[in-house]
Amino acid sequence: MAASTTRSPAAIDRHAVRLITRVSIAMAAVATLSLLYLLRHASIYCFPASHQPALTISLAPFPRSSCDAASRRVVPPDHRLAKLRASPRWRRRAASLAMSAFPPLRGLGILAAPSRVLCLAAGAGHAVDAFRASGTRDAIGVDLVEFPPLVRRADPHHLPFSDGAFDLVFSDDPSATSGALFPSHLAREAERTVRRGGGIALAFDQEIETVAVATLFKRLCVLDVKDVTLDGSQYRRQLDLERPYTKKKEVSIY
């Protein structure tokens, strides 16, 4: 009988192991050379020796490559705020707040020059800036994303302030309540942080029933509901509430 030329299983296994080892070594070498090339390429074209990369982004257009992002200059918060203040949209919103929202609050007695004001869903801080420009200097803003120097990061469902810390809690963003994950929790935190005799003023879309917003607040009574222009073009509905010194009275909402 002729000798069989078929390899044994053990020989096949040894051959497969050697082949896999060689392939792994070759792939590791290719990966190492590629990484060294990329590092050398970045050091030449993205990070020249005479220039230190910026650590924060500016208001320039979004970078199209990592090299563009690496060379962007740091913009101090004050300069960034000055650029926003110069925009037409910022000026239009500030003027709308000063003419449409603030005077009724002063007339109701829940806003004055020495008032402490908390702005919810403050965004970049246009409402905070408008309060300070109109004479209410003690105004701060909170949002899920920090935007210094006017807005600090805080969860509106768990505000980092003591009970009764503010005279007025204000929001001109309709999504502050309608877009909240737990609107009842947000309302409870707003009630907790406003002092007795203080007030809450919230904007909401006209499509939402007033009673649906008012019933979120268990310890405040309704002072006023009115249509206001809060951004210079669109009408919103503003609900003004007061935390009375005594137990809340039932108030009918029309």
Protein backbone atom coordinates (compact mmCIF):
# COMPACT_ATOMS: atom_id res chain seq x y z
CA MET A 1 0.00 0.00 0.00
CA ALA A 2 1.42 3.37 -0.97
CA ALA A 3 2.38 5.67 1.90
CA SER A 4 -0.21 8.30 2.60
CA THR A 5 0.79 11.91 1.87
CA THR A 6 -1.96 13.39 4.10
CA ARG A 7 -0.67 15.44 7.04
CA SER A 8 -1.64 14.50 10.54
CA PRO A 9 -4.02 16.74 12.51
CA ALA A 10 -1.21 17.78 14.84
CA ALA A 11 0.92 18.98 11.92
CA ILE A 12 -2.02 20.96 10.52
CA ASP A 13 -2.54 22.65 13.90
CA ARG A 14 1.14 23.61 14.13
CA HIS A 15 1.04 25.05 10.62
CA ALA A 16 -2.11 27.07 11.41
CA VAL A 17 -0.55 28.46 14.61
CA ARG A 18 2.57 29.58 12.75
CA LEU A 19 0.48 31.21 10.04
CA ILE A 20 -1.70 33.07 12.53
CA THR A 21 1.36 34.25 14.47
CA ARG A 22 2.99 35.63 11.33
CA VAL A 23 -0.20 37.41 10.28
CA SER A 24 -0.59 38.93 13.78
CA ILE A 25 2.99 40.19 13.80
CA ALA A 26 2.53 41.73 10.35
CA MET A 27 -0.70 43.48 11.36
CA ALA A 28 0.84 44.81 14.57
CA ALA A 29 3.77 46.19 12.59
CA VAL A 30 1.46 47.90 10.10
CA ALA A 31 -0.61 49.41 12.92
CA THR A 32 2.49 50.68 14.72
CA LEU A 33 3.88 52.27 11.57
CA SER A 34 0.48 53.89 10.82
CA LEU A 35 0.28 55.33 14.33
CA LEU A 36 3.82 56.73 14.12
CA TYR A 37 2.98 58.31 10.77
CA LEU A 38 -0.18 59.93 12.13
CA LEU A 39 1.64 61.29 15.18
CA ARG A 40 4.41 62.71 13.05
CA HIS A 41 1.87 64.18 10.62
CA ALA A 42 -0.08 65.85 13.45
CA SER A 43 3.04 67.24 15.09
CA ILE A 44 4.13 68.88 11.83
CA TYR A 45 0.84 70.21 10.50
CA CYS A 46 -1.41 70.62 13.58
CA PHE A 47 0.88 71.55 16.45
CA PRO A 48 3.81 73.64 15.27
CA ALA A 49 6.53 74.20 17.88
CA SER A 50 5.88 77.94 18.04
CA HIS A 51 2.17 77.54 18.75
CA GLN A 52 0.44 75.96 21.72
CA PRO A 53 -2.93 74.33 20.98
CA ALA A 54 -6.05 75.95 22.39
CA LEU A 55 -7.96 74.04 25.04
CA THR A 56 -11.39 75.60 24.53
CA ILE A 57 -13.34 76.41 21.41
CA SER A 58 -14.31 79.83 20.15
CA LEU A 59 -17.38 81.15 18.37
CA ALA A 60 -15.74 80.62 14.97
CA PRO A 61 -17.42 78.23 12.47
CA PHE A 62 -17.23 74.57 13.41
CA PRO A 63 -13.85 73.07 12.42
CA ARG A 64 -13.73 70.78 9.41
CA SER A 65 -10.72 68.80 10.67
CA SER A 66 -8.81 68.04 13.85
CA CYS A 67 -6.06 70.42 12.72
CA ASP A 68 -8.55 73.28 12.44
CA ALA A 69 -9.85 72.59 15.93
CA ALA A 70 -6.36 72.38 17.41
CA SER A 71 -5.43 75.89 16.31
CA ARG A 72 -8.54 77.70 17.59
CA ARG A 73 -7.98 80.50 20.07
CA VAL A 74 -9.45 80.66 23.56
CA VAL A 75 -12.30 83.17 23.86
CA PRO A 76 -12.81 84.50 27.40
CA PRO A 77 -16.41 84.31 28.67
CA ASP A 78 -16.70 88.11 28.82
CA HIS A 79 -15.70 88.47 25.16
CA ARG A 80 -18.13 85.73 24.15
CA LEU A 81 -20.94 87.44 26.06
CA ALA A 82 -20.09 90.78 24.42
CA LYS A 83 -20.37 89.17 20.99
CA LEU A 84 -23.79 87.71 21.85
CA ARG A 85 -25.01 91.03 23.23
CA ALA A 86 -24.17 92.67 19.91
CA SER A 87 -26.38 90.26 17.95
CA PRO A 88 -29.81 91.51 16.76
CA ARG A 89 -31.60 88.52 18.26
CA TRP A 90 -30.15 89.17 21.73
CA ARG A 91 -31.10 92.86 21.60
CA ARG A 92 -34.61 92.01 20.36
CA ARG A 93 -35.24 89.53 23.18
CA ALA A 94 -33.87 91.89 25.83
CA ALA A 95 -36.11 94.72 24.59
CA SER A 96 -39.16 92.44 24.54
CA LEU A 97 -38.56 91.35 28.13
CA ALA A 98 -38.04 94.91 29.33
CA MET A 99 -41.23 96.17 27.64
CA SER A 100 -43.58 93.19 27.80
CA ALA A 101 -42.73 90.97 30.78
CA PHE A 102 -41.07 93.09 33.48
CA PRO A 103 -43.53 96.01 33.92
CA PRO A 104 -46.51 93.75 34.85
CA LEU A 105 -44.34 91.94 37.40
CA ARG A 106 -43.44 95.27 38.98
CA GLY A 107 -47.09 96.26 38.98
CA LEU A 108 -47.99 93.04 40.81
CA GLY A 109 -45.35 93.77 43.43
CA ILE A 110 -43.24 90.65 42.88
CA LEU A 111 -40.34 92.42 41.13
CA ALA A 112 -38.30 95.36 42.40
CA ALA A 113 -34.75 96.64 42.18
CA PRO A 114 -33.53 94.75 45.30
CA SER A 115 -35.29 91.49 44.31
CA ARG A 116 -33.34 88.26 44.08
CA VAL A 117 -34.27 86.59 40.78
CA LEU A 118 -33.64 83.05 39.55
CA CYS A 119 -34.01 82.41 35.82
CA LEU A 120 -34.82 78.81 34.85
CA ALA A 121 -33.84 77.37 31.45
CA ALA A 122 -31.71 80.49 31.08
CA GLY A 123 -29.83 79.40 27.95
CA ALA A 124 -27.02 81.87 27.30
CA GLY A 125 -28.40 84.27 29.92
CA HIS A 126 -30.39 86.83 27.94
CA ALA A 127 -33.08 87.08 30.65
CA VAL A 128 -30.44 87.44 33.39
CA ASP A 129 -28.76 90.19 31.39
CA ALA A 130 -32.11 91.92 30.79
CA PHE A 131 -32.95 91.85 34.52
CA ARG A 132 -29.58 93.37 35.42
CA ALA A 133 -29.85 96.01 32.71
CA SER A 134 -33.31 97.02 33.97
CA GLY A 135 -32.07 97.59 37.52
CA THR A 136 -32.48 94.18 39.18
CA ARG A 137 -28.83 93.47 39.84
CA ASP A 138 -29.21 90.28 41.90
CA ALA A 139 -30.26 87.91 39.12
CA ILE A 140 -28.72 84.56 38.24
CA GLY A 141 -29.55 81.85 35.70
CA VAL A 142 -29.40 78.07 35.71
CA ASP A 143 -29.60 75.53 32.93
CA LEU A 144 -28.48 72.00 32.18
CA VAL A 145 -25.51 73.45 30.26
CA GLU A 146 -23.30 76.07 31.91
CA PHE A 147 -22.78 79.32 30.04
CA PRO A 148 -20.54 81.63 32.07
CA PRO A 149 -20.61 84.27 33.32
CA LEU A 150 -24.43 84.56 33.52
CA VAL A 151 -25.60 80.94 33.68
CA ARG A 152 -24.43 78.11 35.93
CA ARG A 153 -25.14 74.43 35.48
CA ALA A 154 -27.89 72.99 37.67
CA ASP A 155 -30.67 70.42 37.45
CA PRO A 156 -34.03 72.25 37.69
CA HIS A 157 -35.48 69.15 39.37
CA HIS A 158 -32.93 69.52 42.21
CA LEU A 159 -31.98 73.18 42.52
CA PRO A 160 -28.84 73.83 44.62
CA PHE A 161 -30.44 76.67 46.61
CA SER A 162 -31.92 76.93 50.08
CA ASP A 163 -35.63 77.28 50.83
CA GLY A 164 -37.02 80.74 50.13
CA ALA A 165 -33.77 81.98 48.59
CA PHE A 166 -35.43 84.08 45.85
CA ASP A 167 -38.09 86.74 45.52
CA LEU A 168 -38.91 85.73 41.95
CA VAL A 169 -38.42 82.58 39.87
CA PHE A 170 -38.72 83.46 36.19
CA SER A 171 -38.57 81.67 32.85
CA ASP A 172 -39.32 83.02 29.38
CA ASP A 173 -38.63 79.63 27.77
CA PRO A 174 -41.85 77.62 27.28
CA SER A 175 -39.87 74.38 27.31
CA ALA A 176 -38.89 74.99 30.93
CA THR A 177 -42.16 73.36 32.01
CA SER A 178 -43.54 71.61 28.92
CA GLY A 179 -40.16 70.08 28.09
CA ALA A 180 -39.19 69.13 31.64
CA LEU A 181 -38.69 65.44 32.35
CA PHE A 182 -40.82 65.72 35.50
CA PRO A 183 -42.82 68.98 35.40
CA SER A 184 -44.27 68.41 38.88
CA HIS A 185 -40.78 68.07 40.36
CA LEU A 186 -39.67 71.27 38.66
CA ALA A 187 -42.73 73.09 40.01
CA ARG A 188 -42.07 71.79 43.51
CA GLU A 189 -38.46 72.97 43.40
CA ALA A 190 -39.51 76.41 42.12
CA GLU A 191 -42.03 76.67 44.98
CA ARG A 192 -39.41 75.62 47.51
CA THR A 193 -36.84 78.21 46.44
CA VAL A 194 -39.22 81.19 46.30
CA ARG A 195 -39.92 82.98 49.57
CA ARG A 196 -43.35 83.57 51.05
CA GLY A 197 -44.77 86.65 49.43
CA GLY A 198 -42.58 86.09 46.38
CA GLY A 199 -43.68 84.98 42.95
CA ILE A 200 -43.11 82.75 39.95
CA ALA A 201 -43.54 83.90 36.35
CA LEU A 202 -43.49 81.30 33.59
CA ALA A 203 -44.02 81.50 29.85
CA PHE A 204 -45.82 78.72 27.99
CA ASP A 205 -47.22 78.17 24.52
CA GLN A 206 -50.74 79.38 23.80
CA GLU A 207 -51.78 75.86 22.75
CA ILE A 208 -51.35 74.65 26.35
CA GLU A 209 -54.24 75.14 28.73
CA THR A 210 -53.50 77.59 31.54
CA VAL A 211 -55.06 75.33 34.14
CA ALA A 212 -52.68 72.51 33.15
CA VAL A 213 -49.71 74.70 34.12
CA ALA A 214 -51.30 76.31 37.16
CA THR A 215 -52.25 72.99 38.77
CA LEU A 216 -48.58 71.98 38.88
CA PHE A 217 -48.09 74.49 41.69
CA LYS A 218 -49.66 73.41 44.95
CA ARG A 219 -48.66 76.29 47.23
CA LEU A 220 -49.10 79.32 44.95
CA CYS A 221 -52.11 81.27 43.81
CA VAL A 222 -52.61 82.77 40.35
CA LEU A 223 -52.15 86.52 40.09
CA ASP A 224 -52.36 87.10 36.35
CA VAL A 225 -52.41 85.39 32.96
CA LYS A 226 -51.64 87.43 29.87
CA ASP A 227 -50.30 87.22 26.33
CA VAL A 228 -46.84 88.72 25.93
CA THR A 229 -44.20 89.07 23.23
CA LEU A 230 -41.05 87.59 24.67
CA ASP A 231 -38.77 87.38 21.65
CA GLY A 232 -39.92 90.28 19.51
CA SER A 233 -42.01 88.26 17.07
CA GLN A 234 -43.95 85.39 18.69
CA TYR A 235 -46.68 85.69 21.27
CA ARG A 236 -46.50 83.57 24.41
CA ARG A 237 -48.72 83.30 27.43
CA GLN A 238 -47.23 84.28 30.77
CA LEU A 239 -48.54 82.91 34.05
CA ASP A 240 -47.77 84.94 37.18
CA LEU A 241 -48.18 83.25 40.54
CA GLU A 242 -47.60 84.35 44.13
CA ARG A 243 -46.68 82.31 47.18
CA PRO A 244 -48.97 83.78 49.85
CA TYR A 245 -48.01 84.22 53.46
CA THR A 246 -51.04 82.11 54.42
CA LYS A 247 -52.50 78.90 53.03
CA LYS A 248 -53.19 78.93 49.32
CA LYS A 249 -56.69 79.98 48.36
CA GLU A 250 -58.64 78.46 45.48
CA VAL A 251 -58.57 80.80 42.48
CA SER A 252 -60.65 80.24 39.36
CA ILE A 253 -58.82 80.43 36.04
CA TYR A 254 -60.67 81.62 32.99
